[in-house]
Amino acid sequence: MVYGAGLRLDKWLWFSRLSKSRSVAQDLCESRRLRIDGRVIDKASALVRAGSVLSFPRDGEVIIVRVEALAERRGPYEEARHLYTDLTDTPSRNHHSRVIAELAA
């Protein structure tokens, strides 16, 4: 279980740039298609904390991220990217990583 300071899920999704707008984040939260640590979420006011694992569908794949930090504002992409670790394991990403590794060798 994760303890500590929390932030509304819709705000965190928007701050982390995983959602284009806060209203899109709210719709995702209320769609019951998003999970925090395996628990189905049905409200945008659910709290997310550092260490939580989020999973949700986007563009035909399931996105899985671990929350690394909370933010106070929506910053540039470089800052937002430090708010989470992408845990998504898809064949296309694995193939892309192998190709890059082969080219580097």
PDB file of N, CA and C in Angstrom:
ATOM      1  N   MET A   1       0.849  -1.177   0.000  1.00  0.00           N
ATOM      2  CA  MET A   1       0.000   0.000   0.000  1.00  0.00           C
ATOM      3  C   MET A   1       0.891   1.236   0.000  1.00  0.00           C
ATOM      4  N   VAL A   2       0.438   2.269  -0.702  1.00  0.00           N
ATOM      5  CA  VAL A   2       1.202   3.502  -0.847  1.00  0.00           C
ATOM      6  C   VAL A   2       0.614   4.561   0.076  1.00  0.00           C
ATOM      7  N   TYR A   3       1.476   5.205   0.857  1.00  0.00           N
ATOM      8  CA  TYR A   3       1.035   6.249   1.778  1.00  0.00           C
ATOM      9  C   TYR A   3       1.757   7.538   1.431  1.00  0.00           C
ATOM     10  N   GLY A   4       1.257   8.640   1.934  1.00  0.00           N
ATOM     11  CA  GLY A   4       1.921   9.922   1.730  1.00  0.00           C
ATOM     12  C   GLY A   4       1.008  10.922   1.070  1.00  0.00           C
ATOM     13  N   ALA A   5       1.606  12.031   0.644  1.00  0.00           N
ATOM     14  CA  ALA A   5       0.845  13.107   0.001  1.00  0.00           C
ATOM     15  C   ALA A   5       0.199  12.591  -1.275  1.00  0.00           C
ATOM     16  N   GLY A   6      -0.958  13.137  -1.578  1.00  0.00           N
ATOM     17  CA  GLY A   6      -1.673  12.713  -2.768  1.00  0.00           C
ATOM     18  C   GLY A   6      -2.130  13.891  -3.605  1.00  0.00           C
ATOM     19  N   LEU A   7      -2.537  13.601  -4.839  1.00  0.00           N
ATOM     20  CA  LEU A   7      -3.029  14.603  -5.779  1.00  0.00           C
ATOM     21  C   LEU A   7      -4.198  13.994  -6.532  1.00  0.00           C
ATOM     22  N   ARG A   8      -5.168  14.834  -6.863  1.00  0.00           N
ATOM     23  CA  ARG A   8      -6.296  14.333  -7.656  1.00  0.00           C
ATOM     24  C   ARG A   8      -5.779  13.675  -8.926  1.00  0.00           C
ATOM     25  N   LEU A   9      -6.358  12.544  -9.269  1.00  0.00           N
ATOM     26  CA  LEU A   9      -5.912  11.776 -10.417  1.00  0.00           C
ATOM     27  C   LEU A   9      -6.032  12.565 -11.717  1.00  0.00           C
ATOM     28  N   ASP A  10      -7.136  13.273 -11.919  1.00  0.00           N
ATOM     29  CA  ASP A  10      -7.303  14.018 -13.170  1.00  0.00           C
ATOM     30  C   ASP A  10      -6.243  15.105 -13.322  1.00  0.00           C
ATOM     31  N   LYS A  11      -5.903  15.768 -12.218  1.00  0.00           N
ATOM     32  CA  LYS A  11      -4.858  16.793 -12.267  1.00  0.00           C
ATOM     33  C   LYS A  11      -3.505  16.162 -12.568  1.00  0.00           C
ATOM     34  N   TRP A  12      -3.203  15.020 -11.934  1.00  0.00           N
ATOM     35  CA  TRP A  12      -1.920  14.384 -12.172  1.00  0.00           C
ATOM     36  C   TRP A  12      -1.789  13.943 -13.628  1.00  0.00           C
ATOM     37  N   LEU A  13      -2.839  13.362 -14.195  1.00  0.00           N
ATOM     38  CA  LEU A  13      -2.794  12.942 -15.600  1.00  0.00           C
ATOM     39  C   LEU A  13      -2.533  14.127 -16.521  1.00  0.00           C
ATOM     40  N   TRP A  14      -3.136  15.259 -16.208  1.00  0.00           N
ATOM     41  CA  TRP A  14      -2.948  16.457 -17.014  1.00  0.00           C
ATOM     42  C   TRP A  14      -1.551  17.033 -16.796  1.00  0.00           C
ATOM     43  N   PHE A  15      -1.119  17.139 -15.537  1.00  0.00           N
ATOM     44  CA  PHE A  15       0.217  17.661 -15.235  1.00  0.00           C
ATOM     45  C   PHE A  15       1.312  16.806 -15.878  1.00  0.00           C
ATOM     46  N   SER A  16       1.127  15.497 -15.911  1.00  0.00           N
ATOM     47  CA  SER A  16       2.132  14.589 -16.453  1.00  0.00           C
ATOM     48  C   SER A  16       2.075  14.496 -17.972  1.00  0.00           C
ATOM     49  N   ARG A  17       1.122  15.177 -18.575  1.00  0.00           N
ATOM     50  CA  ARG A  17       0.937  15.208 -20.025  1.00  0.00           C
ATOM     51  C   ARG A  17       0.548  13.848 -20.601  1.00  0.00           C
ATOM     52  N   LEU A  18      -0.057  12.999 -19.771  1.00  0.00           N
ATOM     53  CA  LEU A  18      -0.620  11.751 -20.266  1.00  0.00           C
ATOM     54  C   LEU A  18      -2.032  11.970 -20.777  1.00  0.00           C
ATOM     55  N   SER A  19      -2.559  13.166 -20.562  1.00  0.00           N
ATOM     56  CA  SER A  19      -3.877  13.560 -21.039  1.00  0.00           C
ATOM     57  C   SER A  19      -3.754  14.944 -21.683  1.00  0.00           C
ATOM     58  N   LYS A  20      -4.457  15.136 -22.795  1.00  0.00           N
ATOM     59  CA  LYS A  20      -4.362  16.414 -23.511  1.00  0.00           C
ATOM     60  C   LYS A  20      -5.007  17.568 -22.758  1.00  0.00           C
ATOM     61  N   SER A  21      -6.044  17.267 -21.987  1.00  0.00           N
ATOM     62  CA  SER A  21      -6.719  18.310 -21.211  1.00  0.00           C
ATOM     63  C   SER A  21      -7.242  17.702 -19.918  1.00  0.00           C
ATOM     64  N   ARG A  22      -7.594  18.554 -19.003  1.00  0.00           N
ATOM     65  CA  ARG A  22      -8.105  18.048 -17.726  1.00  0.00           C
ATOM     66  C   ARG A  22      -9.480  17.425 -17.911  1.00  0.00           C
ATOM     67  N   SER A  23     -10.281  17.950 -18.819  1.00  0.00           N
ATOM     68  CA  SER A  23     -11.603  17.365 -19.043  1.00  0.00           C
ATOM     69  C   SER A  23     -11.489  15.973 -19.669  1.00  0.00           C
ATOM     70  N   VAL A  24     -10.503  15.767 -20.533  1.00  0.00           N
ATOM     71  CA  VAL A  24     -10.273  14.429 -21.087  1.00  0.00           C
ATOM     72  C   VAL A  24      -9.833  13.491 -19.964  1.00  0.00           C
ATOM     73  N   ALA A  25      -8.999  13.978 -19.056  1.00  0.00           N
ATOM     74  CA  ALA A  25      -8.565  13.174 -17.905  1.00  0.00           C
ATOM     75  C   ALA A  25      -9.755  12.823 -17.015  1.00  0.00           C
ATOM     76  N   GLN A  26     -10.645  13.774 -16.793  1.00  0.00           N
ATOM     77  CA  GLN A  26     -11.830  13.510 -15.978  1.00  0.00           C
ATOM     78  C   GLN A  26     -12.709  12.449 -16.637  1.00  0.00           C
ATOM     79  N   ASP A  27     -12.897  12.552 -17.948  1.00  0.00           N
ATOM     80  CA  ASP A  27     -13.699  11.557 -18.665  1.00  0.00           C
ATOM     81  C   ASP A  27     -13.084  10.164 -18.559  1.00  0.00           C
ATOM     82  N   LEU A  28     -11.763  10.075 -18.679  1.00  0.00           N
ATOM     83  CA  LEU A  28     -11.088   8.783 -18.555  1.00  0.00           C
ATOM     84  C   LEU A  28     -11.302   8.204 -17.159  1.00  0.00           C
ATOM     85  N   CYS A  29     -11.161   9.031 -16.144  1.00  0.00           N
ATOM     86  CA  CYS A  29     -11.338   8.565 -14.764  1.00  0.00           C
ATOM     87  C   CYS A  29     -12.757   8.062 -14.517  1.00  0.00           C
ATOM     88  N   GLU A  30     -13.725   8.747 -15.060  1.00  0.00           N
ATOM     89  CA  GLU A  30     -15.127   8.382 -14.834  1.00  0.00           C
ATOM     90  C   GLU A  30     -15.607   7.259 -15.747  1.00  0.00           C
ATOM     91  N   SER A  31     -14.788   6.837 -16.715  1.00  0.00           N
ATOM     92  CA  SER A  31     -15.177   5.782 -17.649  1.00  0.00           C
ATOM     93  C   SER A  31     -15.034   4.381 -17.057  1.00  0.00           C
ATOM     94  N   ARG A  32     -14.412   4.283 -15.891  1.00  0.00           N
ATOM     95  CA  ARG A  32     -14.130   2.998 -15.235  1.00  0.00           C
ATOM     96  C   ARG A  32     -13.148   2.156 -16.044  1.00  0.00           C
ATOM     97  N   ARG A  33     -12.324   2.779 -16.860  1.00  0.00           N
ATOM     98  CA  ARG A  33     -11.338   2.069 -17.666  1.00  0.00           C
ATOM     99  C   ARG A  33      -9.918   2.318 -17.150  1.00  0.00           C
ATOM    100  N   LEU A  34      -9.794   3.035 -16.068  1.00  0.00           N
ATOM    101  CA  LEU A  34      -8.493   3.350 -15.478  1.00  0.00           C
ATOM    102  C   LEU A  34      -8.383   2.645 -14.131  1.00  0.00           C
ATOM    103  N   ARG A  35      -7.194   2.152 -13.833  1.00  0.00           N
ATOM    104  CA  ARG A  35      -6.969   1.453 -12.564  1.00  0.00           C
ATOM    105  C   ARG A  35      -5.761   2.045 -11.847  1.00  0.00           C
ATOM    106  N   ILE A  36      -5.873   2.122 -10.531  1.00  0.00           N
ATOM    107  CA  ILE A  36      -4.742   2.484  -9.676  1.00  0.00           C
ATOM    108  C   ILE A  36      -4.431   1.256  -8.834  1.00  0.00           C
ATOM    109  N   ASP A  37      -3.241   0.725  -8.992  1.00  0.00           N
ATOM    110  CA  ASP A  37      -2.822  -0.482  -8.266  1.00  0.00           C
ATOM    111  C   ASP A  37      -3.849  -1.602  -8.403  1.00  0.00           C
ATOM    112  N   GLY A  38      -4.424  -1.737  -9.595  1.00  0.00           N
ATOM    113  CA  GLY A  38      -5.385  -2.795  -9.875  1.00  0.00           C
ATOM    114  C   GLY A  38      -6.816  -2.480  -9.483  1.00  0.00           C
ATOM    115  N   ARG A  39      -7.057  -1.370  -8.790  1.00  0.00           N
ATOM    116  CA  ARG A  39      -8.399  -0.990  -8.339  1.00  0.00           C
ATOM    117  C   ARG A  39      -9.061  -0.118  -9.402  1.00  0.00           C
ATOM    118  N   VAL A  40     -10.265  -0.484  -9.826  1.00  0.00           N
ATOM    119  CA  VAL A  40     -11.005   0.293 -10.821  1.00  0.00           C
ATOM    120  C   VAL A  40     -11.379   1.649 -10.238  1.00  0.00           C
ATOM    121  N   ILE A  41     -11.145   2.704 -11.009  1.00  0.00           N
ATOM    122  CA  ILE A  41     -11.433   4.072 -10.586  1.00  0.00           C
ATOM    123  C   ILE A  41     -12.660   4.567 -11.334  1.00  0.00           C
ATOM    124  N   ASP A  42     -13.558   5.241 -10.603  1.00  0.00           N
ATOM    125  CA  ASP A  42     -14.763   5.768 -11.248  1.00  0.00           C
ATOM    126  C   ASP A  42     -14.982   7.245 -10.957  1.00  0.00           C
ATOM    127  N   LYS A  43     -13.980   7.904 -10.362  1.00  0.00           N
ATOM    128  CA  LYS A  43     -14.124   9.332 -10.102  1.00  0.00           C
ATOM    129  C   LYS A  43     -12.776  10.032 -10.251  1.00  0.00           C
ATOM    130  N   ALA A  44     -12.826  11.235 -10.766  1.00  0.00           N
ATOM    131  CA  ALA A  44     -11.622  12.016 -11.034  1.00  0.00           C
ATOM    132  C   ALA A  44     -10.940  12.484  -9.760  1.00  0.00           C
ATOM    133  N   SER A  45     -11.659  12.483  -8.661  1.00  0.00           N
ATOM    134  CA  SER A  45     -11.100  12.979  -7.402  1.00  0.00           C
ATOM    135  C   SER A  45     -10.299  11.921  -6.648  1.00  0.00           C
ATOM    136  N   ALA A  46     -10.161  10.719  -7.213  1.00  0.00           N
ATOM    137  CA  ALA A  46      -9.352   9.683  -6.567  1.00  0.00           C
ATOM    138  C   ALA A  46      -7.929  10.205  -6.395  1.00  0.00           C
ATOM    139  N   LEU A  47      -7.308   9.884  -5.266  1.00  0.00           N
ATOM    140  CA  LEU A  47      -5.955  10.365  -5.005  1.00  0.00           C
ATOM    141  C   LEU A  47      -4.908   9.422  -5.582  1.00  0.00           C
ATOM    142  N   VAL A  48      -3.902  10.012  -6.183  1.00  0.00           N
ATOM    143  CA  VAL A  48      -2.752   9.259  -6.683  1.00  0.00           C
ATOM    144  C   VAL A  48      -1.545   9.698  -5.864  1.00  0.00           C
ATOM    145  N   ARG A  49      -0.676   8.759  -5.562  1.00  0.00           N
ATOM    146  CA  ARG A  49       0.508   9.032  -4.732  1.00  0.00           C
ATOM    147  C   ARG A  49       1.747   8.466  -5.425  1.00  0.00           C
ATOM    148  N   ALA A  50       2.905   8.956  -5.052  1.00  0.00           N
ATOM    149  CA  ALA A  50       4.152   8.403  -5.570  1.00  0.00           C
ATOM    150  C   ALA A  50       4.209   6.918  -5.230  1.00  0.00           C
ATOM    151  N   GLY A  51       4.542   6.106  -6.204  1.00  0.00           N
ATOM    152  CA  GLY A  51       4.593   4.660  -6.022  1.00  0.00           C
ATOM    153  C   GLY A  51       3.377   3.942  -6.580  1.00  0.00           C
ATOM    154  N   SER A  52       2.284   4.663  -6.840  1.00  0.00           N
ATOM    155  CA  SER A  52       1.088   4.050  -7.410  1.00  0.00           C
ATOM    156  C   SER A  52       1.360   3.614  -8.844  1.00  0.00           C
ATOM    157  N   VAL A  53       0.698   2.542  -9.265  1.00  0.00           N
ATOM    158  CA  VAL A  53       0.795   2.072 -10.644  1.00  0.00           C
ATOM    159  C   VAL A  53      -0.554   2.294 -11.309  1.00  0.00           C
ATOM    160  N   LEU A  54      -0.536   3.029 -12.436  1.00  0.00           N
ATOM    161  CA  LEU A  54      -1.756   3.328 -13.184  1.00  0.00           C
ATOM    162  C   LEU A  54      -1.770   2.518 -14.465  1.00  0.00           C
ATOM    163  N   SER A  55      -2.940   2.049 -14.859  1.00  0.00           N
ATOM    164  CA  SER A  55      -3.088   1.383 -16.148  1.00  0.00           C
ATOM    165  C   SER A  55      -4.383   1.853 -16.785  1.00  0.00           C
ATOM    166  N   PHE A  56      -4.317   2.110 -18.097  1.00  0.00           N
ATOM    167  CA  PHE A  56      -5.479   2.579 -18.841  1.00  0.00           C
ATOM    168  C   PHE A  56      -5.252   2.362 -20.333  1.00  0.00           C
ATOM    169  N   PRO A  57      -6.350   2.210 -21.098  1.00  0.00           N
ATOM    170  CA  PRO A  57      -6.200   2.012 -22.537  1.00  0.00           C
ATOM    171  C   PRO A  57      -6.011   3.348 -23.260  1.00  0.00           C
ATOM    172  N   ARG A  58      -5.157   3.313 -24.297  1.00  0.00           N
ATOM    173  CA  ARG A  58      -4.990   4.488 -25.150  1.00  0.00           C
ATOM    174  C   ARG A  58      -4.491   4.025 -26.511  1.00  0.00           C
ATOM    175  N   ASP A  59      -5.181   4.438 -27.548  1.00  0.00           N
ATOM    176  CA  ASP A  59      -4.789   4.129 -28.927  1.00  0.00           C
ATOM    177  C   ASP A  59      -4.561   2.640 -29.162  1.00  0.00           C
ATOM    178  N   GLY A  60      -5.452   1.817 -28.658  1.00  0.00           N
ATOM    179  CA  GLY A  60      -5.391   0.387 -28.919  1.00  0.00           C
ATOM    180  C   GLY A  60      -4.391  -0.399 -28.085  1.00  0.00           C
ATOM    181  N   GLU A  61      -3.744   0.226 -27.129  1.00  0.00           N
ATOM    182  CA  GLU A  61      -2.840  -0.501 -26.245  1.00  0.00           C
ATOM    183  C   GLU A  61      -3.093  -0.085 -24.805  1.00  0.00           C
ATOM    184  N   VAL A  62      -2.616  -0.888 -23.881  1.00  0.00           N
ATOM    185  CA  VAL A  62      -2.768  -0.576 -22.462  1.00  0.00           C
ATOM    186  C   VAL A  62      -1.494   0.111 -21.993  1.00  0.00           C
ATOM    187  N   ILE A  63      -1.650   1.303 -21.452  1.00  0.00           N
ATOM    188  CA  ILE A  63      -0.536   2.081 -20.926  1.00  0.00           C
ATOM    189  C   ILE A  63      -0.407   1.775 -19.437  1.00  0.00           C
ATOM    190  N   ILE A  64       0.803   1.476 -19.001  1.00  0.00           N
ATOM    191  CA  ILE A  64       1.070   1.199 -17.588  1.00  0.00           C
ATOM    192  C   ILE A  64       2.213   2.106 -17.153  1.00  0.00           C
ATOM    193  N   VAL A  65       1.969   2.900 -16.120  1.00  0.00           N
ATOM    194  CA  VAL A  65       2.995   3.812 -15.612  1.00  0.00           C
ATOM    195  C   VAL A  65       3.036   3.747 -14.090  1.00  0.00           C
ATOM    196  N   ARG A  66       4.230   3.957 -13.535  1.00  0.00           N
ATOM    197  CA  ARG A  66       4.391   4.079 -12.088  1.00  0.00           C
ATOM    198  C   ARG A  66       4.607   5.555 -11.772  1.00  0.00           C
ATOM    199  N   VAL A  67       3.827   6.075 -10.841  1.00  0.00           N
ATOM    200  CA  VAL A  67       3.937   7.471 -10.440  1.00  0.00           C
ATOM    201  C   VAL A  67       5.222   7.636  -9.637  1.00  0.00           C
ATOM    202  N   GLU A  68       6.093   8.539 -10.086  1.00  0.00           N
ATOM    203  CA  GLU A  68       7.358   8.788  -9.406  1.00  0.00           C
ATOM    204  C   GLU A  68       7.305  10.040  -8.547  1.00  0.00           C
ATOM    205  N   ALA A  69       6.486  11.009  -8.968  1.00  0.00           N
ATOM    206  CA  ALA A  69       6.420  12.274  -8.240  1.00  0.00           C
ATOM    207  C   ALA A  69       5.095  12.962  -8.517  1.00  0.00           C
ATOM    208  N   LEU A  70       4.759  13.907  -7.652  1.00  0.00           N
ATOM    209  CA  LEU A  70       3.581  14.742  -7.839  1.00  0.00           C
ATOM    210  C   LEU A  70       4.060  16.114  -8.304  1.00  0.00           C
ATOM    211  N   ALA A  71       3.196  16.837  -8.978  1.00  0.00           N
ATOM    212  CA  ALA A  71       3.567  18.156  -9.491  1.00  0.00           C
ATOM    213  C   ALA A  71       2.619  19.206  -8.938  1.00  0.00           C
ATOM    214  N   GLU A  72       3.043  20.447  -9.005  1.00  0.00           N
ATOM    215  CA  GLU A  72       2.203  21.560  -8.577  1.00  0.00           C
ATOM    216  C   GLU A  72       1.628  22.311  -9.756  1.00  0.00           C
ATOM    217  N   ARG A  73       2.146  22.019 -10.961  1.00  0.00           N
ATOM    218  CA  ARG A  73       1.671  22.712 -12.156  1.00  0.00           C
ATOM    219  C   ARG A  73       1.930  21.842 -13.379  1.00  0.00           C
ATOM    220  N   ARG A  74       1.366  22.238 -14.507  1.00  0.00           N
ATOM    221  CA  ARG A  74       1.611  21.566 -15.776  1.00  0.00           C
ATOM    222  C   ARG A  74       2.807  22.248 -16.426  1.00  0.00           C
ATOM    223  N   GLY A  75       3.930  21.592 -16.407  1.00  0.00           N
ATOM    224  CA  GLY A  75       5.152  22.164 -16.953  1.00  0.00           C
ATOM    225  C   GLY A  75       5.436  21.623 -18.339  1.00  0.00           C
ATOM    226  N   PRO A  76       6.609  21.935 -18.859  1.00  0.00           N
ATOM    227  CA  PRO A  76       6.997  21.424 -20.177  1.00  0.00           C
ATOM    228  C   PRO A  76       7.185  19.912 -20.139  1.00  0.00           C
ATOM    229  N   TYR A  77       7.231  19.306 -21.319  1.00  0.00           N
ATOM    230  CA  TYR A  77       7.337  17.862 -21.429  1.00  0.00           C
ATOM    231  C   TYR A  77       8.544  17.315 -20.658  1.00  0.00           C
ATOM    232  N   GLU A  78       9.668  18.003 -20.716  1.00  0.00           N
ATOM    233  CA  GLU A  78      10.872  17.531 -20.042  1.00  0.00           C
ATOM    234  C   GLU A  78      10.643  17.365 -18.536  1.00  0.00           C
ATOM    235  N   GLU A  79       9.898  18.284 -17.930  1.00  0.00           N
ATOM    236  CA  GLU A  79       9.569  18.173 -16.504  1.00  0.00           C
ATOM    237  C   GLU A  79       8.523  17.084 -16.279  1.00  0.00           C
ATOM    238  N   ALA A  80       7.513  17.056 -17.121  1.00  0.00           N
ATOM    239  CA  ALA A  80       6.409  16.103 -16.960  1.00  0.00           C
ATOM    240  C   ALA A  80       6.901  14.660 -17.077  1.00  0.00           C
ATOM    241  N   ARG A  81       7.876  14.415 -17.909  1.00  0.00           N
ATOM    242  CA  ARG A  81       8.372  13.062 -18.129  1.00  0.00           C
ATOM    243  C   ARG A  81       9.013  12.475 -16.873  1.00  0.00           C
ATOM    244  N   HIS A  82       9.444  13.314 -15.948  1.00  0.00           N
ATOM    245  CA  HIS A  82      10.048  12.841 -14.700  1.00  0.00           C
ATOM    246  C   HIS A  82       9.006  12.482 -13.641  1.00  0.00           C
ATOM    247  N   LEU A  83       7.732  12.702 -13.942  1.00  0.00           N
ATOM    248  CA  LEU A  83       6.673  12.393 -12.979  1.00  0.00           C
ATOM    249  C   LEU A  83       6.302  10.916 -12.971  1.00  0.00           C
ATOM    250  N   TYR A  84       6.711  10.163 -13.998  1.00  0.00           N
ATOM    251  CA  TYR A  84       6.326   8.757 -14.086  1.00  0.00           C
ATOM    252  C   TYR A  84       7.388   7.934 -14.802  1.00  0.00           C
ATOM    253  N   THR A  85       7.297   6.612 -14.589  1.00  0.00           N
ATOM    254  CA  THR A  85       8.117   5.645 -15.313  1.00  0.00           C
ATOM    255  C   THR A  85       7.174   4.801 -16.141  1.00  0.00           C
ATOM    256  N   ASP A  86       7.453   4.689 -17.418  1.00  0.00           N
ATOM    257  CA  ASP A  86       6.614   3.907 -18.323  1.00  0.00           C
ATOM    258  C   ASP A  86       6.942   2.425 -18.148  1.00  0.00           C
ATOM    259  N   LEU A  87       5.950   1.646 -17.743  1.00  0.00           N
ATOM    260  CA  LEU A  87       6.126   0.206 -17.539  1.00  0.00           C
ATOM    261  C   LEU A  87       5.480  -0.606 -18.649  1.00  0.00           C
ATOM    262  N   THR A  88       4.950   0.073 -19.651  1.00  0.00           N
ATOM    263  CA  THR A  88       4.263  -0.596 -20.748  1.00  0.00           C
ATOM    264  C   THR A  88       5.243  -1.498 -21.483  1.00  0.00           C
ATOM    265  N   ASP A  89       4.850  -2.742 -21.681  1.00  0.00           N
ATOM    266  CA  ASP A  89       5.701  -3.712 -22.360  1.00  0.00           C
ATOM    267  C   ASP A  89       4.955  -4.224 -23.584  1.00  0.00           C
ATOM    268  N   THR A  90       5.212  -3.605 -24.727  1.00  0.00           N
ATOM    269  CA  THR A  90       4.529  -4.012 -25.953  1.00  0.00           C
ATOM    270  C   THR A  90       5.540  -4.561 -26.942  1.00  0.00           C
ATOM    271  N   PRO A  91       5.118  -5.466 -27.821  1.00  0.00           N
ATOM    272  CA  PRO A  91       6.041  -6.026 -28.814  1.00  0.00           C
ATOM    273  C   PRO A  91       6.672  -4.955 -29.696  1.00  0.00           C
ATOM    274  N   SER A  92       5.916  -3.941 -30.098  1.00  0.00           N
ATOM    275  CA  SER A  92       6.473  -2.908 -30.967  1.00  0.00           C
ATOM    276  C   SER A  92       7.564  -2.121 -30.253  1.00  0.00           C
ATOM    277  N   ARG A  93       7.393  -1.835 -28.952  1.00  0.00           N
ATOM    278  CA  ARG A  93       8.428  -1.126 -28.204  1.00  0.00           C
ATOM    279  C   ARG A  93       9.650  -2.013 -28.004  1.00  0.00           C
ATOM    280  N   ASN A  94       9.432  -3.307 -27.750  1.00  0.00           N
ATOM    281  CA  ASN A  94      10.563  -4.220 -27.593  1.00  0.00           C
ATOM    282  C   ASN A  94      11.336  -4.334 -28.896  1.00  0.00           C
ATOM    283  N   HIS A  95      10.635  -4.411 -30.012  1.00  0.00           N
ATOM    284  CA  HIS A  95      11.289  -4.495 -31.317  1.00  0.00           C
ATOM    285  C   HIS A  95      12.095  -3.228 -31.578  1.00  0.00           C
ATOM    286  N   HIS A  96      11.510  -2.074 -31.285  1.00  0.00           N
ATOM    287  CA  HIS A  96      12.194  -0.803 -31.483  1.00  0.00           C
ATOM    288  C   HIS A  96      13.471  -0.737 -30.643  1.00  0.00           C
ATOM    289  N   SER A  97      13.408  -1.197 -29.410  1.00  0.00           N
ATOM    290  CA  SER A  97      14.578  -1.195 -28.533  1.00  0.00           C
ATOM    291  C   SER A  97      15.667  -2.125 -29.059  1.00  0.00           C
ATOM    292  N   ARG A  98      15.269  -3.297 -29.575  1.00  0.00           N
ATOM    293  CA  ARG A  98      16.245  -4.239 -30.135  1.00  0.00           C
ATOM    294  C   ARG A  98      16.928  -3.647 -31.355  1.00  0.00           C
ATOM    295  N   VAL A  99      16.163  -2.987 -32.229  1.00  0.00           N
ATOM    296  CA  VAL A  99      16.732  -2.395 -33.427  1.00  0.00           C
ATOM    297  C   VAL A  99      17.750  -1.317 -33.056  1.00  0.00           C
ATOM    298  N   ILE A 100      17.410  -0.478 -32.083  1.00  0.00           N
ATOM    299  CA  ILE A 100      18.340   0.565 -31.646  1.00  0.00           C
ATOM    300  C   ILE A 100      19.595  -0.065 -31.061  1.00  0.00           C
ATOM    301  N   ALA A 101      19.445  -1.108 -30.260  1.00  0.00           N
ATOM    302  CA  ALA A 101      20.603  -1.776 -29.661  1.00  0.00           C
ATOM    303  C   ALA A 101      21.492  -2.406 -30.738  1.00  0.00           C
ATOM    304  N   GLU A 102      20.880  -3.000 -31.766  1.00  0.00           N
ATOM    305  CA  GLU A 102      21.661  -3.596 -32.844  1.00  0.00           C
ATOM    306  C   GLU A 102      22.416  -2.534 -33.634  1.00  0.00           C
ATOM    307  N   LEU A 103      21.796  -1.394 -33.868  1.00  0.00           N
ATOM    308  CA  LEU A 103      22.444  -0.316 -34.601  1.00  0.00           C
ATOM    309  C   LEU A 103      23.598   0.281 -33.800  1.00  0.00           C
ATOM    310  N   ALA A 104      23.448   0.303 -32.484  1.00  0.00           N
ATOM    311  CA  ALA A 104      24.493   0.870 -31.625  1.00  0.00           C
ATOM    312  C   ALA A 104      25.687  -0.053 -31.500  1.00  0.00           C
ATOM    313  N   ALA A 105      25.480  -1.358 -31.708  1.00  0.00           N
ATOM    314  CA  ALA A 105      26.562  -2.339 -31.546  1.00  0.00           C
ATOM    315  C   ALA A 105      27.522  -2.339 -32.720  1.00  0.00           C
TER     316      ALA A 105
END
